Amino acid sequence: MRVVAGKYKGKRWDVPHTFKARPTTDFAKEGLFNILHNVYVDFDAHPSALDLFCGTGSISLELLSRGCSPVVSVEKDFKHHQYIRRICAELKDPNWRPVMADVFKFLKGHAATYDLIFADPPYALENLKEIPDLIFQPEHPLLNPEGIFVLEHGRNYDFSSHPHYVEHRNYGSVNFTFFSL
């Protein structure tokens, strides 16, 4: 796993072979961050970010490296969380906040709002389609008014009829759907 750009550009970490998580490919990650940088996010303004189902922390590291502050990374798997905490301790970056929690419980009980939310759930997750509705809860949306929510998913999902849908991009087998308020 390597960081593509920003203050940690070029840093690499070996992901244990036993991990279930599949980091977003460099090709897809570069495409995603080009879109974010050129269309949706002013990284110089240090936007707040939430990374859901953060797995190995690849996207969190990219967000942190590009200036997001804070970056809250939610992962429920103990070994993945420990791995992320080890990298966090190595970097000593005070803007990274790893949280070990079930994403669905976290979203239902969380009150903070963010400029950028990214979610990369397992593609076969049974309730993956519920995630946008949890982000845009009418009683308390988690996205700031000018913010962007990006959901990574497999090709079998179509969110174009969602009221907060903005656009869809794909990079091989990796699909990103963008949402906003």
C-alpha atoms as a PDB file:
ATOM      1  CA  MET A   1       0.000   0.000   0.000  1.00  0.00           C
ATOM      2  CA  ARG A   2       1.455   3.359  -0.988  1.00  0.00           C
ATOM      3  CA  VAL A   3       0.454   6.997  -0.690  1.00  0.00           C
ATOM      4  CA  VAL A   4       0.005   8.607  -4.118  1.00  0.00           C
ATOM      5  CA  ALA A   5       0.311  12.329  -3.292  1.00  0.00           C
ATOM      6  CA  GLY A   6       0.723  14.913  -0.554  1.00  0.00           C
ATOM      7  CA  LYS A   7       3.033  15.134   2.414  1.00  0.00           C
ATOM      8  CA  TYR A   8       3.295  11.334   2.744  1.00  0.00           C
ATOM      9  CA  LYS A   9       3.713  10.741  -1.006  1.00  0.00           C
ATOM     10  CA  GLY A  10       5.685   7.596  -1.745  1.00  0.00           C
ATOM     11  CA  LYS A  11       5.430   6.126   1.758  1.00  0.00           C
ATOM     12  CA  ARG A  12       4.689   2.409   1.659  1.00  0.00           C
ATOM     13  CA  TRP A  13       3.349  -0.152   4.070  1.00  0.00           C
ATOM     14  CA  ASP A  14       3.047  -3.896   3.625  1.00  0.00           C
ATOM     15  CA  VAL A  15      -0.480  -5.164   4.195  1.00  0.00           C
ATOM     16  CA  PRO A  16      -0.535  -8.586   5.900  1.00  0.00           C
ATOM     17  CA  HIS A  17      -1.595 -11.402   3.524  1.00  0.00           C
ATOM     18  CA  THR A  18      -4.190 -12.559   6.051  1.00  0.00           C
ATOM     19  CA  PHE A  19      -6.260  -9.367   5.767  1.00  0.00           C
ATOM     20  CA  LYS A  20      -9.709  -9.659   4.210  1.00  0.00           C
ATOM     21  CA  ALA A  21      -9.710  -6.013   3.093  1.00  0.00           C
ATOM     22  CA  ARG A  22      -8.734  -5.146  -0.466  1.00  0.00           C
ATOM     23  CA  PRO A  23      -7.158  -1.683  -0.675  1.00  0.00           C
ATOM     24  CA  THR A  24      -8.496   0.491  -3.485  1.00  0.00           C
ATOM     25  CA  THR A  25      -6.161   0.048  -6.460  1.00  0.00           C
ATOM     26  CA  ASP A  26      -3.658   2.820  -7.174  1.00  0.00           C
ATOM     27  CA  PHE A  27      -5.308   3.347 -10.583  1.00  0.00           C
ATOM     28  CA  ALA A  28      -8.748   3.872  -9.009  1.00  0.00           C
ATOM     29  CA  LYS A  29      -7.339   5.897  -6.111  1.00  0.00           C
ATOM     30  CA  GLU A  30      -5.507   8.261  -8.469  1.00  0.00           C
ATOM     31  CA  GLY A  31      -8.668   8.698 -10.550  1.00  0.00           C
ATOM     32  CA  LEU A  32     -10.786   9.333  -7.472  1.00  0.00           C
ATOM     33  CA  PHE A  33      -8.431  11.922  -6.028  1.00  0.00           C
ATOM     34  CA  ASN A  34      -8.054  13.687  -9.373  1.00  0.00           C
ATOM     35  CA  ILE A  35     -11.840  14.109  -9.470  1.00  0.00           C
ATOM     36  CA  LEU A  36     -12.016  15.183  -5.828  1.00  0.00           C
ATOM     37  CA  HIS A  37      -9.181  17.693  -6.231  1.00  0.00           C
ATOM     38  CA  ASN A  38     -10.326  19.158  -9.555  1.00  0.00           C
ATOM     39  CA  VAL A  39     -14.099  19.219  -8.976  1.00  0.00           C
ATOM     40  CA  TYR A  40     -15.244  18.800  -5.403  1.00  0.00           C
ATOM     41  CA  VAL A  41     -12.669  19.434  -2.658  1.00  0.00           C
ATOM     42  CA  ASP A  42     -10.293  22.255  -1.784  1.00  0.00           C
ATOM     43  CA  PHE A  43      -7.665  20.259   0.087  1.00  0.00           C
ATOM     44  CA  ASP A  44      -5.796  23.489   0.934  1.00  0.00           C
ATOM     45  CA  ALA A  45      -8.752  24.425   3.169  1.00  0.00           C
ATOM     46  CA  HIS A  46      -8.067  21.329   5.353  1.00  0.00           C
ATOM     47  CA  PRO A  47     -11.500  19.726   4.986  1.00  0.00           C
ATOM     48  CA  SER A  48     -12.712  17.304   7.627  1.00  0.00           C
ATOM     49  CA  ALA A  49     -13.020  13.714   6.441  1.00  0.00           C
ATOM     50  CA  LEU A  50     -14.715  10.501   7.517  1.00  0.00           C
ATOM     51  CA  ASP A  51     -13.491   7.179   6.093  1.00  0.00           C
ATOM     52  CA  LEU A  52     -15.983   4.358   6.650  1.00  0.00           C
ATOM     53  CA  PHE A  53     -15.018   0.674   6.361  1.00  0.00           C
ATOM     54  CA  CYS A  54     -11.442   1.949   6.204  1.00  0.00           C
ATOM     55  CA  GLY A  55      -9.892  -1.544   6.001  1.00  0.00           C
ATOM     56  CA  THR A  56      -6.147  -1.010   5.636  1.00  0.00           C
ATOM     57  CA  GLY A  57      -6.384   2.787   5.970  1.00  0.00           C
ATOM     58  CA  SER A  58      -5.269   3.419   2.368  1.00  0.00           C
ATOM     59  CA  ILE A  59      -7.859   6.138   1.668  1.00  0.00           C
ATOM     60  CA  SER A  60      -7.428   7.634   5.156  1.00  0.00           C
ATOM     61  CA  LEU A  61      -3.698   7.974   4.528  1.00  0.00           C
ATOM     62  CA  GLU A  62      -4.354   9.662   1.196  1.00  0.00           C
ATOM     63  CA  LEU A  63      -6.828  12.088   2.821  1.00  0.00           C
ATOM     64  CA  LEU A  64      -4.408  12.840   5.639  1.00  0.00           C
ATOM     65  CA  SER A  65      -1.492  13.258   3.246  1.00  0.00           C
ATOM     66  CA  ARG A  66      -3.448  15.814   1.196  1.00  0.00           C
ATOM     67  CA  GLY A  67      -4.327  17.960   4.211  1.00  0.00           C
ATOM     68  CA  CYS A  68      -7.667  16.753   5.565  1.00  0.00           C
ATOM     69  CA  SER A  69      -8.067  17.540   9.246  1.00  0.00           C
ATOM     70  CA  PRO A  70      -9.296  15.642  11.091  1.00  0.00           C
ATOM     71  CA  VAL A  71      -9.545  12.272   9.373  1.00  0.00           C
ATOM     72  CA  VAL A  72     -11.800   9.898  11.305  1.00  0.00           C
ATOM     73  CA  SER A  73     -11.325   6.275  10.190  1.00  0.00           C
ATOM     74  CA  VAL A  74     -13.937   3.708  11.194  1.00  0.00           C
ATOM     75  CA  GLU A  75     -13.158  -0.019  11.052  1.00  0.00           C
ATOM     76  CA  LYS A  76     -14.685  -2.839  13.077  1.00  0.00           C
ATOM     77  CA  ASP A  77     -12.160  -5.626  12.416  1.00  0.00           C
ATOM     78  CA  PHE A  78      -9.762  -5.760  15.378  1.00  0.00           C
ATOM     79  CA  LYS A  79      -6.661  -6.753  13.368  1.00  0.00           C
ATOM     80  CA  HIS A  80      -7.270  -4.088  10.750  1.00  0.00           C
ATOM     81  CA  HIS A  81      -7.844  -1.489  13.449  1.00  0.00           C
ATOM     82  CA  GLN A  82      -4.592  -2.497  15.191  1.00  0.00           C
ATOM     83  CA  TYR A  83      -2.746  -2.215  11.865  1.00  0.00           C
ATOM     84  CA  ILE A  84      -4.163   1.279  11.295  1.00  0.00           C
ATOM     85  CA  ARG A  85      -3.241   2.325  14.835  1.00  0.00           C
ATOM     86  CA  ARG A  86       0.315   1.074  14.271  1.00  0.00           C
ATOM     87  CA  ILE A  87       0.655   3.246  11.137  1.00  0.00           C
ATOM     88  CA  CYS A  88      -0.949   6.157  12.985  1.00  0.00           C
ATOM     89  CA  ALA A  89       1.598   5.812  15.817  1.00  0.00           C
ATOM     90  CA  GLU A  90       4.434   5.634  13.277  1.00  0.00           C
ATOM     91  CA  LEU A  91       3.298   8.835  11.516  1.00  0.00           C
ATOM     92  CA  LYS A  92       2.556  10.708  14.755  1.00  0.00           C
ATOM     93  CA  ASP A  93      -0.009  12.781  12.846  1.00  0.00           C
ATOM     94  CA  PRO A  94      -2.413  14.359  15.372  1.00  0.00           C
ATOM     95  CA  ASN A  95      -5.103  14.765  12.687  1.00  0.00           C
ATOM     96  CA  TRP A  96      -5.756  11.021  12.292  1.00  0.00           C
ATOM     97  CA  ARG A  97      -8.397   9.489  14.555  1.00  0.00           C
ATOM     98  CA  PRO A  98      -8.892   5.728  14.118  1.00  0.00           C
ATOM     99  CA  VAL A  99     -12.137   4.400  15.632  1.00  0.00           C
ATOM    100  CA  MET A 100     -12.927   0.727  16.140  1.00  0.00           C
ATOM    101  CA  ALA A 101     -16.682   0.433  15.604  1.00  0.00           C
ATOM    102  CA  ASP A 102     -19.403  -1.098  13.488  1.00  0.00           C
ATOM    103  CA  VAL A 103     -20.086   1.502  10.777  1.00  0.00           C
ATOM    104  CA  PHE A 104     -23.885   1.191  10.966  1.00  0.00           C
ATOM    105  CA  LYS A 105     -23.952   1.704  14.738  1.00  0.00           C
ATOM    106  CA  PHE A 106     -21.405   4.511  14.432  1.00  0.00           C
ATOM    107  CA  LEU A 107     -23.495   6.356  11.821  1.00  0.00           C
ATOM    108  CA  LYS A 108     -26.717   6.032  13.802  1.00  0.00           C
ATOM    109  CA  GLY A 109     -25.140   7.482  16.949  1.00  0.00           C
ATOM    110  CA  HIS A 110     -22.671  10.007  15.518  1.00  0.00           C
ATOM    111  CA  ALA A 111     -23.340  13.737  15.660  1.00  0.00           C
ATOM    112  CA  ALA A 112     -20.368  15.358  13.880  1.00  0.00           C
ATOM    113  CA  THR A 113     -20.513  16.566  10.274  1.00  0.00           C
ATOM    114  CA  TYR A 114     -17.812  16.313   7.611  1.00  0.00           C
ATOM    115  CA  ASP A 115     -16.752  17.988   4.384  1.00  0.00           C
ATOM    116  CA  LEU A 116     -15.819  14.685   2.771  1.00  0.00           C
ATOM    117  CA  ILE A 117     -17.129  11.209   3.545  1.00  0.00           C
ATOM    118  CA  PHE A 118     -15.783   8.108   1.859  1.00  0.00           C
ATOM    119  CA  ALA A 119     -17.173   4.591   2.288  1.00  0.00           C
ATOM    120  CA  ASP A 120     -15.666   1.400   0.901  1.00  0.00           C
ATOM    121  CA  PRO A 121     -17.848  -1.389   2.286  1.00  0.00           C
ATOM    122  CA  PRO A 122     -17.346  -5.016   1.280  1.00  0.00           C
ATOM    123  CA  TYR A 123     -18.975  -5.268  -2.148  1.00  0.00           C
ATOM    124  CA  ALA A 124     -21.119  -8.208  -0.984  1.00  0.00           C
ATOM    125  CA  LEU A 125     -22.364  -6.366   2.124  1.00  0.00           C
ATOM    126  CA  GLU A 126     -26.048  -7.176   2.537  1.00  0.00           C
ATOM    127  CA  ASN A 127     -27.172  -3.656   3.483  1.00  0.00           C
ATOM    128  CA  LEU A 128     -24.761  -1.633   1.314  1.00  0.00           C
ATOM    129  CA  LYS A 129     -27.672   0.224  -0.347  1.00  0.00           C
ATOM    130  CA  GLU A 130     -28.655   1.702   3.063  1.00  0.00           C
ATOM    131  CA  ILE A 131     -25.411   3.628   3.503  1.00  0.00           C
ATOM    132  CA  PRO A 132     -26.387   6.800   1.562  1.00  0.00           C
ATOM    133  CA  ASP A 133     -29.624   7.074   3.554  1.00  0.00           C
ATOM    134  CA  LEU A 134     -27.660   6.866   6.810  1.00  0.00           C
ATOM    135  CA  ILE A 135     -25.329   9.646   5.651  1.00  0.00           C
ATOM    136  CA  PHE A 136     -28.282  11.870   4.694  1.00  0.00           C
ATOM    137  CA  GLN A 137     -30.536  11.170   7.706  1.00  0.00           C
ATOM    138  CA  PRO A 138     -33.184  13.927   7.627  1.00  0.00           C
ATOM    139  CA  GLU A 139     -32.868  14.565  11.368  1.00  0.00           C
ATOM    140  CA  HIS A 140     -29.081  14.935  11.158  1.00  0.00           C
ATOM    141  CA  PRO A 141     -27.164  14.625   7.901  1.00  0.00           C
ATOM    142  CA  LEU A 142     -23.480  13.825   8.478  1.00  0.00           C
ATOM    143  CA  LEU A 143     -22.319  15.749   5.401  1.00  0.00           C
ATOM    144  CA  ASN A 144     -21.715  19.489   5.515  1.00  0.00           C
ATOM    145  CA  PRO A 145     -23.806  21.547   3.045  1.00  0.00           C
ATOM    146  CA  GLU A 146     -20.975  21.961   0.507  1.00  0.00           C
ATOM    147  CA  GLY A 147     -19.547  18.483   1.177  1.00  0.00           C
ATOM    148  CA  ILE A 148     -19.233  15.361  -0.939  1.00  0.00           C
ATOM    149  CA  PHE A 149     -19.933  11.722  -0.094  1.00  0.00           C
ATOM    150  CA  VAL A 150     -18.234   9.017  -2.179  1.00  0.00           C
ATOM    151  CA  LEU A 151     -19.372   5.401  -2.059  1.00  0.00           C
ATOM    152  CA  GLU A 152     -17.137   2.721  -3.547  1.00  0.00           C
ATOM    153  CA  HIS A 153     -19.055  -0.336  -4.710  1.00  0.00           C
ATOM    154  CA  GLY A 154     -19.237  -3.145  -7.229  1.00  0.00           C
ATOM    155  CA  ARG A 155     -20.811  -2.796 -10.669  1.00  0.00           C
ATOM    156  CA  ASN A 156     -24.106  -4.389  -9.548  1.00  0.00           C
ATOM    157  CA  TYR A 157     -25.269  -1.209  -7.806  1.00  0.00           C
ATOM    158  CA  ASP A 158     -27.023   1.783  -9.332  1.00  0.00           C
ATOM    159  CA  PHE A 159     -27.672   4.810  -7.134  1.00  0.00           C
ATOM    160  CA  SER A 160     -28.749   7.191  -9.913  1.00  0.00           C
ATOM    161  CA  SER A 161     -32.288   7.470  -8.521  1.00  0.00           C
ATOM    162  CA  HIS A 162     -31.103   8.477  -5.028  1.00  0.00           C
ATOM    163  CA  PRO A 163     -32.172  12.083  -4.248  1.00  0.00           C
ATOM    164  CA  HIS A 164     -28.582  13.076  -3.382  1.00  0.00           C
ATOM    165  CA  TYR A 165     -26.940  11.404  -6.388  1.00  0.00           C
ATOM    166  CA  VAL A 166     -24.445  13.545  -8.322  1.00  0.00           C
ATOM    167  CA  GLU A 167     -22.454  11.245 -10.616  1.00  0.00           C
ATOM    168  CA  HIS A 168     -20.928   7.808 -11.131  1.00  0.00           C
ATOM    169  CA  ARG A 169     -17.391   6.929 -12.250  1.00  0.00           C
ATOM    170  CA  ASN A 170     -15.769   3.567 -12.747  1.00  0.00           C
ATOM    171  CA  TYR A 171     -12.179   2.400 -12.931  1.00  0.00           C
ATOM    172  CA  GLY A 172     -12.179  -1.204 -14.058  1.00  0.00           C
ATOM    173  CA  SER A 173     -14.125  -3.161 -11.459  1.00  0.00           C
ATOM    174  CA  VAL A 174     -14.055  -0.232  -8.991  1.00  0.00           C
ATOM    175  CA  ASN A 175     -17.131   2.029  -9.030  1.00  0.00           C
ATOM    176  CA  PHE A 176     -17.502   5.358  -7.261  1.00  0.00           C
ATOM    177  CA  THR A 177     -20.834   7.095  -6.803  1.00  0.00           C
ATOM    178  CA  PHE A 178     -20.777  10.717  -5.664  1.00  0.00           C
ATOM    179  CA  PHE A 179     -23.532  12.285  -3.551  1.00  0.00           C
ATOM    180  CA  SER A 180     -24.124  15.751  -2.067  1.00  0.00           C
ATOM    181  CA  LEU A 181     -26.829  17.682  -0.239  1.00  0.00           C
END
